[in-house]
Amino acid sequence: MIGFLKNPKYDIRPVLDLISKEYVPLRDKMEWGYIIPYAITGILDEHPKSAIALRESDKKDNYREFYESLAGTDLD
């Protein structure tokens, strides 16, 4: 948000330093942030149990197939 303020009294550099020094190493220790399978189940108003199952499977990164299986579509 600070980057969008475009006000000279706000300096984004300390925020960027904080992200680099604290949040990037934290991301390597634990998963956080936007997780696509959960977003797909949310968009389709589905319980996240299918997203949990996908993430534990060998196809955990095949988002299109997952979406199509839930939406009942195959657009190819």
PDB file of N, CA and C in Angstrom:
ATOM      1  N   MET A   1       0.820  -1.193   0.000  1.00  0.00           N
ATOM      2  CA  MET A   1       0.000   0.000   0.000  1.00  0.00           C
ATOM      3  C   MET A   1       0.864   1.258   0.000  1.00  0.00           C
ATOM      4  N   ILE A   2       1.979   1.196   0.681  1.00  0.00           N
ATOM      5  CA  ILE A   2       2.833   2.382   0.746  1.00  0.00           C
ATOM      6  C   ILE A   2       3.290   2.792  -0.641  1.00  0.00           C
ATOM      7  N   GLY A   3       3.555   1.810  -1.505  1.00  0.00           N
ATOM      8  CA  GLY A   3       3.998   2.104  -2.865  1.00  0.00           C
ATOM      9  C   GLY A   3       2.963   2.869  -3.663  1.00  0.00           C
ATOM     10  N   PHE A   4       1.691   2.704  -3.355  1.00  0.00           N
ATOM     11  CA  PHE A   4       0.633   3.379  -4.086  1.00  0.00           C
ATOM     12  C   PHE A   4       0.343   4.779  -3.546  1.00  0.00           C
ATOM     13  N   LEU A   5       0.831   5.093  -2.364  1.00  0.00           N
ATOM     14  CA  LEU A   5       0.545   6.401  -1.777  1.00  0.00           C
ATOM     15  C   LEU A   5       1.231   7.535  -2.524  1.00  0.00           C
ATOM     16  N   LYS A   6       2.385   7.267  -3.099  1.00  0.00           N
ATOM     17  CA  LYS A   6       3.139   8.260  -3.866  1.00  0.00           C
ATOM     18  C   LYS A   6       3.293   9.580  -3.111  1.00  0.00           C
ATOM     19  N   ASN A   7       3.486   9.442  -1.835  1.00  0.00           N
ATOM     20  CA  ASN A   7       3.691  10.593  -0.986  1.00  0.00           C
ATOM     21  C   ASN A   7       5.153  10.580  -0.551  1.00  0.00           C
ATOM     22  N   PRO A   8       5.887  11.654  -0.775  1.00  0.00           N
ATOM     23  CA  PRO A   8       7.322  11.647  -0.464  1.00  0.00           C
ATOM     24  C   PRO A   8       7.640  11.418   1.011  1.00  0.00           C
ATOM     25  N   LYS A   9       6.681  11.613   1.900  1.00  0.00           N
ATOM     26  CA  LYS A   9       6.994  11.389   3.309  1.00  0.00           C
ATOM     27  C   LYS A   9       6.979   9.901   3.678  1.00  0.00           C
ATOM     28  N   TYR A  10       6.455   9.042   2.778  1.00  0.00           N
ATOM     29  CA  TYR A  10       6.465   7.596   2.995  1.00  0.00           C
ATOM     30  C   TYR A  10       7.605   6.985   2.190  1.00  0.00           C
ATOM     31  N   ASP A  11       8.420   6.207   2.859  1.00  0.00           N
ATOM     32  CA  ASP A  11       9.568   5.570   2.218  1.00  0.00           C
ATOM     33  C   ASP A  11       9.327   4.065   2.186  1.00  0.00           C
ATOM     34  N   ILE A  12       9.218   3.506   1.006  1.00  0.00           N
ATOM     35  CA  ILE A  12       8.938   2.082   0.848  1.00  0.00           C
ATOM     36  C   ILE A  12      10.165   1.211   1.118  1.00  0.00           C
ATOM     37  N   ARG A  13      11.347   1.784   1.095  1.00  0.00           N
ATOM     38  CA  ARG A  13      12.567   0.990   1.230  1.00  0.00           C
ATOM     39  C   ARG A  13      12.642   0.181   2.523  1.00  0.00           C
ATOM     40  N   PRO A  14      12.285   0.713   3.687  1.00  0.00           N
ATOM     41  CA  PRO A  14      12.309  -0.120   4.904  1.00  0.00           C
ATOM     42  C   PRO A  14      11.318  -1.288   4.850  1.00  0.00           C
ATOM     43  N   VAL A  15      10.193  -1.075   4.188  1.00  0.00           N
ATOM     44  CA  VAL A  15       9.218  -2.157   4.037  1.00  0.00           C
ATOM     45  C   VAL A  15       9.803  -3.261   3.163  1.00  0.00           C
ATOM     46  N   LEU A  16      10.463  -2.883   2.083  1.00  0.00           N
ATOM     47  CA  LEU A  16      11.098  -3.867   1.210  1.00  0.00           C
ATOM     48  C   LEU A  16      12.204  -4.615   1.940  1.00  0.00           C
ATOM     49  N   ASP A  17      12.956  -3.898   2.785  1.00  0.00           N
ATOM     50  CA  ASP A  17      13.985  -4.555   3.596  1.00  0.00           C
ATOM     51  C   ASP A  17      13.362  -5.579   4.540  1.00  0.00           C
ATOM     52  N   LEU A  18      12.270  -5.208   5.171  1.00  0.00           N
ATOM     53  CA  LEU A  18      11.574  -6.114   6.083  1.00  0.00           C
ATOM     54  C   LEU A  18      11.103  -7.375   5.349  1.00  0.00           C
ATOM     55  N   ILE A  19      10.531  -7.191   4.188  1.00  0.00           N
ATOM     56  CA  ILE A  19      10.069  -8.333   3.397  1.00  0.00           C
ATOM     57  C   ILE A  19      11.241  -9.249   3.064  1.00  0.00           C
ATOM     58  N   SER A  20      12.332  -8.658   2.600  1.00  0.00           N
ATOM     59  CA  SER A  20      13.504  -9.456   2.215  1.00  0.00           C
ATOM     60  C   SER A  20      14.127 -10.183   3.398  1.00  0.00           C
ATOM     61  N   LYS A  21      14.218  -9.516   4.514  1.00  0.00           N
ATOM     62  CA  LYS A  21      14.930 -10.085   5.664  1.00  0.00           C
ATOM     63  C   LYS A  21      14.069 -11.007   6.517  1.00  0.00           C
ATOM     64  N   GLU A  22      12.779 -10.760   6.600  1.00  0.00           N
ATOM     65  CA  GLU A  22      11.924 -11.528   7.501  1.00  0.00           C
ATOM     66  C   GLU A  22      10.942 -12.450   6.783  1.00  0.00           C
ATOM     67  N   TYR A  23      10.225 -11.945   5.810  1.00  0.00           N
ATOM     68  CA  TYR A  23       9.150 -12.721   5.199  1.00  0.00           C
ATOM     69  C   TYR A  23       9.648 -13.772   4.209  1.00  0.00           C
ATOM     70  N   VAL A  24      10.682 -13.468   3.448  1.00  0.00           N
ATOM     71  CA  VAL A  24      11.197 -14.465   2.505  1.00  0.00           C
ATOM     72  C   VAL A  24      11.756 -15.675   3.256  1.00  0.00           C
ATOM     73  N   PRO A  25      12.582 -15.497   4.284  1.00  0.00           N
ATOM     74  CA  PRO A  25      13.028 -16.673   5.049  1.00  0.00           C
ATOM     75  C   PRO A  25      11.873 -17.406   5.736  1.00  0.00           C
ATOM     76  N   LEU A  26      10.871 -16.677   6.198  1.00  0.00           N
ATOM     77  CA  LEU A  26       9.710 -17.300   6.822  1.00  0.00           C
ATOM     78  C   LEU A  26       8.963 -18.166   5.820  1.00  0.00           C
ATOM     79  N   ARG A  27       8.857 -17.707   4.592  1.00  0.00           N
ATOM     80  CA  ARG A  27       8.186 -18.474   3.540  1.00  0.00           C
ATOM     81  C   ARG A  27       8.905 -19.795   3.291  1.00  0.00           C
ATOM     82  N   ASP A  28      10.229 -19.823   3.464  1.00  0.00           N
ATOM     83  CA  ASP A  28      10.982 -21.057   3.280  1.00  0.00           C
ATOM     84  C   ASP A  28      10.745 -22.045   4.422  1.00  0.00           C
ATOM     85  N   LYS A  29      10.341 -21.550   5.585  1.00  0.00           N
ATOM     86  CA  LYS A  29      10.107 -22.407   6.746  1.00  0.00           C
ATOM     87  C   LYS A  29       8.683 -22.944   6.804  1.00  0.00           C
ATOM     88  N   MET A  30       7.721 -22.159   6.370  1.00  0.00           N
ATOM     89  CA  MET A  30       6.331 -22.584   6.437  1.00  0.00           C
ATOM     90  C   MET A  30       5.558 -22.078   5.235  1.00  0.00           C
ATOM     91  N   GLU A  31       4.579 -22.844   4.855  1.00  0.00           N
ATOM     92  CA  GLU A  31       3.765 -22.456   3.710  1.00  0.00           C
ATOM     93  C   GLU A  31       2.765 -21.379   4.143  1.00  0.00           C
ATOM     94  N   TRP A  32       2.663 -20.345   3.360  1.00  0.00           N
ATOM     95  CA  TRP A  32       1.696 -19.298   3.620  1.00  0.00           C
ATOM     96  C   TRP A  32       1.464 -18.554   2.320  1.00  0.00           C
ATOM     97  N   GLY A  33       0.424 -17.818   2.308  1.00  0.00           N
ATOM     98  CA  GLY A  33       0.111 -17.043   1.117  1.00  0.00           C
ATOM     99  C   GLY A  33      -0.984 -17.701   0.298  1.00  0.00           C
ATOM    100  N   TYR A  34      -1.117 -17.278  -0.909  1.00  0.00           N
ATOM    101  CA  TYR A  34      -2.167 -17.696  -1.810  1.00  0.00           C
ATOM    102  C   TYR A  34      -1.934 -19.126  -2.282  1.00  0.00           C
ATOM    103  N   ILE A  35      -2.894 -20.021  -2.039  1.00  0.00           N
ATOM    104  CA  ILE A  35      -2.780 -21.418  -2.445  1.00  0.00           C
ATOM    105  C   ILE A  35      -3.893 -21.691  -3.446  1.00  0.00           C
ATOM    106  N   ILE A  36      -3.517 -21.960  -4.684  1.00  0.00           N
ATOM    107  CA  ILE A  36      -4.445 -22.055  -5.812  1.00  0.00           C
ATOM    108  C   ILE A  36      -5.572 -23.066  -5.595  1.00  0.00           C
ATOM    109  N   PRO A  37      -5.321 -24.300  -5.154  1.00  0.00           N
ATOM    110  CA  PRO A  37      -6.439 -25.233  -4.987  1.00  0.00           C
ATOM    111  C   PRO A  37      -7.510 -24.723  -4.018  1.00  0.00           C
ATOM    112  N   TYR A  38      -7.098 -24.061  -2.966  1.00  0.00           N
ATOM    113  CA  TYR A  38      -8.086 -23.492  -2.035  1.00  0.00           C
ATOM    114  C   TYR A  38      -8.864 -22.356  -2.695  1.00  0.00           C
ATOM    115  N   ALA A  39      -8.190 -21.590  -3.529  1.00  0.00           N
ATOM    116  CA  ALA A  39      -8.880 -20.514  -4.251  1.00  0.00           C
ATOM    117  C   ALA A  39      -9.918 -21.100  -5.204  1.00  0.00           C
ATOM    118  N   ILE A  40      -9.562 -22.189  -5.877  1.00  0.00           N
ATOM    119  CA  ILE A  40     -10.501 -22.816  -6.814  1.00  0.00           C
ATOM    120  C   ILE A  40     -11.731 -23.323  -6.081  1.00  0.00           C
ATOM    121  N   THR A  41     -11.537 -24.002  -4.949  1.00  0.00           N
ATOM    122  CA  THR A  41     -12.708 -24.481  -4.214  1.00  0.00           C
ATOM    123  C   THR A  41     -13.548 -23.316  -3.708  1.00  0.00           C
ATOM    124  N   GLY A  42     -12.917 -22.233  -3.339  1.00  0.00           N
ATOM    125  CA  GLY A  42     -13.669 -21.057  -2.907  1.00  0.00           C
ATOM    126  C   GLY A  42     -14.475 -20.439  -4.033  1.00  0.00           C
ATOM    127  N   ILE A  43     -13.857 -20.315  -5.195  1.00  0.00           N
ATOM    128  CA  ILE A  43     -14.543 -19.754  -6.362  1.00  0.00           C
ATOM    129  C   ILE A  43     -15.768 -20.586  -6.721  1.00  0.00           C
ATOM    130  N   LEU A  44     -15.629 -21.908  -6.599  1.00  0.00           N
ATOM    131  CA  LEU A  44     -16.721 -22.807  -6.980  1.00  0.00           C
ATOM    132  C   LEU A  44     -17.659 -23.118  -5.814  1.00  0.00           C
ATOM    133  N   ASP A  45     -17.437 -22.456  -4.686  1.00  0.00           N
ATOM    134  CA  ASP A  45     -18.273 -22.640  -3.497  1.00  0.00           C
ATOM    135  C   ASP A  45     -18.303 -24.104  -3.062  1.00  0.00           C
ATOM    136  N   GLU A  46     -17.113 -24.714  -3.047  1.00  0.00           N
ATOM    137  CA  GLU A  46     -16.955 -26.111  -2.654  1.00  0.00           C
ATOM    138  C   GLU A  46     -16.221 -26.190  -1.321  1.00  0.00           C
ATOM    139  N   HIS A  47     -16.446 -27.258  -0.598  1.00  0.00           N
ATOM    140  CA  HIS A  47     -15.705 -27.511   0.637  1.00  0.00           C
ATOM    141  C   HIS A  47     -14.239 -27.756   0.263  1.00  0.00           C
ATOM    142  N   PRO A  48     -13.283 -27.304   1.057  1.00  0.00           N
ATOM    143  CA  PRO A  48     -11.871 -27.451   0.687  1.00  0.00           C
ATOM    144  C   PRO A  48     -11.319 -28.873   0.816  1.00  0.00           C
ATOM    145  N   LYS A  49     -12.133 -29.863   1.182  1.00  0.00           N
ATOM    146  CA  LYS A  49     -11.608 -31.225   1.332  1.00  0.00           C
ATOM    147  C   LYS A  49     -10.987 -31.741   0.037  1.00  0.00           C
ATOM    148  N   SER A  50     -11.549 -31.359  -1.097  1.00  0.00           N
ATOM    149  CA  SER A  50     -10.958 -31.801  -2.366  1.00  0.00           C
ATOM    150  C   SER A  50      -9.612 -31.124  -2.614  1.00  0.00           C
ATOM    151  N   ALA A  51      -9.467 -29.894  -2.197  1.00  0.00           N
ATOM    152  CA  ALA A  51      -8.176 -29.201  -2.325  1.00  0.00           C
ATOM    153  C   ALA A  51      -7.137 -29.847  -1.419  1.00  0.00           C
ATOM    154  N   ILE A  52      -7.555 -30.228  -0.237  1.00  0.00           N
ATOM    155  CA  ILE A  52      -6.639 -30.903   0.693  1.00  0.00           C
ATOM    156  C   ILE A  52      -6.171 -32.219   0.080  1.00  0.00           C
ATOM    157  N   ALA A  53      -7.121 -32.981  -0.481  1.00  0.00           N
ATOM    158  CA  ALA A  53      -6.770 -34.260  -1.120  1.00  0.00           C
ATOM    159  C   ALA A  53      -5.831 -34.047  -2.306  1.00  0.00           C
ATOM    160  N   LEU A  54      -6.101 -33.032  -3.113  1.00  0.00           N
ATOM    161  CA  LEU A  54      -5.229 -32.745  -4.254  1.00  0.00           C
ATOM    162  C   LEU A  54      -3.814 -32.457  -3.796  1.00  0.00           C
ATOM    163  N   ARG A  55      -3.670 -31.657  -2.771  1.00  0.00           N
ATOM    164  CA  ARG A  55      -2.345 -31.259  -2.294  1.00  0.00           C
ATOM    165  C   ARG A  55      -1.556 -32.419  -1.726  1.00  0.00           C
ATOM    166  N   GLU A  56      -2.241 -33.491  -1.345  1.00  0.00           N
ATOM    167  CA  GLU A  56      -1.562 -34.682  -0.829  1.00  0.00           C
ATOM    168  C   GLU A  56      -1.306 -35.710  -1.930  1.00  0.00           C
ATOM    169  N   SER A  57      -1.706 -35.402  -3.160  1.00  0.00           N
ATOM    170  CA  SER A  57      -1.577 -36.346  -4.268  1.00  0.00           C
ATOM    171  C   SER A  57      -0.360 -36.032  -5.137  1.00  0.00           C
ATOM    172  N   ASP A  58      -0.143 -36.915  -6.116  1.00  0.00           N
ATOM    173  CA  ASP A  58       0.950 -36.704  -7.073  1.00  0.00           C
ATOM    174  C   ASP A  58       0.618 -35.614  -8.092  1.00  0.00           C
ATOM    175  N   LYS A  59      -0.639 -35.246  -8.187  1.00  0.00           N
ATOM    176  CA  LYS A  59      -1.078 -34.239  -9.163  1.00  0.00           C
ATOM    177  C   LYS A  59      -1.310 -32.879  -8.509  1.00  0.00           C
ATOM    178  N   LYS A  60      -0.609 -32.601  -7.438  1.00  0.00           N
ATOM    179  CA  LYS A  60      -0.892 -31.403  -6.648  1.00  0.00           C
ATOM    180  C   LYS A  60      -0.723 -30.085  -7.404  1.00  0.00           C
ATOM    181  N   ASP A  61       0.007 -30.086  -8.508  1.00  0.00           N
ATOM    182  CA  ASP A  61       0.214 -28.853  -9.264  1.00  0.00           C
ATOM    183  C   ASP A  61      -0.595 -28.797 -10.558  1.00  0.00           C
ATOM    184  N   ASN A  62      -1.469 -29.752 -10.776  1.00  0.00           N
ATOM    185  CA  ASN A  62      -2.278 -29.761 -11.994  1.00  0.00           C
ATOM    186  C   ASN A  62      -3.598 -29.033 -11.721  1.00  0.00           C
ATOM    187  N   TYR A  63      -3.530 -27.720 -11.714  1.00  0.00           N
ATOM    188  CA  TYR A  63      -4.669 -26.896 -11.327  1.00  0.00           C
ATOM    189  C   TYR A  63      -5.800 -26.953 -12.338  1.00  0.00           C
ATOM    190  N   ARG A  64      -5.481 -27.002 -13.604  1.00  0.00           N
ATOM    191  CA  ARG A  64      -6.536 -27.022 -14.620  1.00  0.00           C
ATOM    192  C   ARG A  64      -7.379 -28.290 -14.509  1.00  0.00           C
ATOM    193  N   GLU A  65      -6.724 -29.432 -14.414  1.00  0.00           N
ATOM    194  CA  GLU A  65      -7.453 -30.696 -14.274  1.00  0.00           C
ATOM    195  C   GLU A  65      -8.319 -30.685 -13.014  1.00  0.00           C
ATOM    196  N   PHE A  66      -7.768 -30.147 -11.937  1.00  0.00           N
ATOM    197  CA  PHE A  66      -8.521 -30.041 -10.683  1.00  0.00           C
ATOM    198  C   PHE A  66      -9.754 -29.161 -10.871  1.00  0.00           C
ATOM    199  N   TYR A  67      -9.574 -28.020 -11.486  1.00  0.00           N
ATOM    200  CA  TYR A  67     -10.700 -27.110 -11.738  1.00  0.00           C
ATOM    201  C   TYR A  67     -11.766 -27.801 -12.580  1.00  0.00           C
ATOM    202  N   GLU A  68     -11.338 -28.431 -13.659  1.00  0.00           N
ATOM    203  CA  GLU A  68     -12.292 -29.072 -14.554  1.00  0.00           C
ATOM    204  C   GLU A  68     -13.030 -30.219 -13.867  1.00  0.00           C
ATOM    205  N   SER A  69     -12.357 -30.932 -12.975  1.00  0.00           N
ATOM    206  CA  SER A  69     -13.025 -32.028 -12.269  1.00  0.00           C
ATOM    207  C   SER A  69     -14.100 -31.497 -11.324  1.00  0.00           C
ATOM    208  N   LEU A  70     -13.867 -30.341 -10.743  1.00  0.00           N
ATOM    209  CA  LEU A  70     -14.864 -29.756  -9.844  1.00  0.00           C
ATOM    210  C   LEU A  70     -15.970 -29.042 -10.596  1.00  0.00           C
ATOM    211  N   ALA A  71     -15.601 -28.364 -11.673  1.00  0.00           N
ATOM    212  CA  ALA A  71     -16.575 -27.577 -12.425  1.00  0.00           C
ATOM    213  C   ALA A  71     -17.383 -28.426 -13.391  1.00  0.00           C
ATOM    214  N   GLY A  72     -16.895 -29.652 -13.631  1.00  0.00           N
ATOM    215  CA  GLY A  72     -17.601 -30.524 -14.567  1.00  0.00           C
ATOM    216  C   GLY A  72     -17.458 -30.088 -16.001  1.00  0.00           C
ATOM    217  N   THR A  73     -16.338 -29.448 -16.310  1.00  0.00           N
ATOM    218  CA  THR A  73     -16.093 -28.966 -17.669  1.00  0.00           C
ATOM    219  C   THR A  73     -14.767 -29.471 -18.166  1.00  0.00           C
ATOM    220  N   ASP A  74     -14.674 -29.582 -19.457  1.00  0.00           N
ATOM    221  CA  ASP A  74     -13.414 -29.871 -20.128  1.00  0.00           C
ATOM    222  C   ASP A  74     -13.466 -29.061 -21.411  1.00  0.00           C
ATOM    223  N   LEU A  75     -12.723 -27.965 -21.431  1.00  0.00           N
ATOM    224  CA  LEU A  75     -12.853 -26.999 -22.521  1.00  0.00           C
ATOM    225  C   LEU A  75     -11.927 -27.283 -23.705  1.00  0.00           C
ATOM    226  N   ASP A  76     -11.221 -28.410 -23.694  1.00  0.00           N
ATOM    227  CA  ASP A  76     -10.359 -28.733 -24.847  1.00  0.00           C
ATOM    228  C   ASP A  76     -11.170 -29.237 -26.016  1.00  0.00           C
TER     229      ASP A  76
END
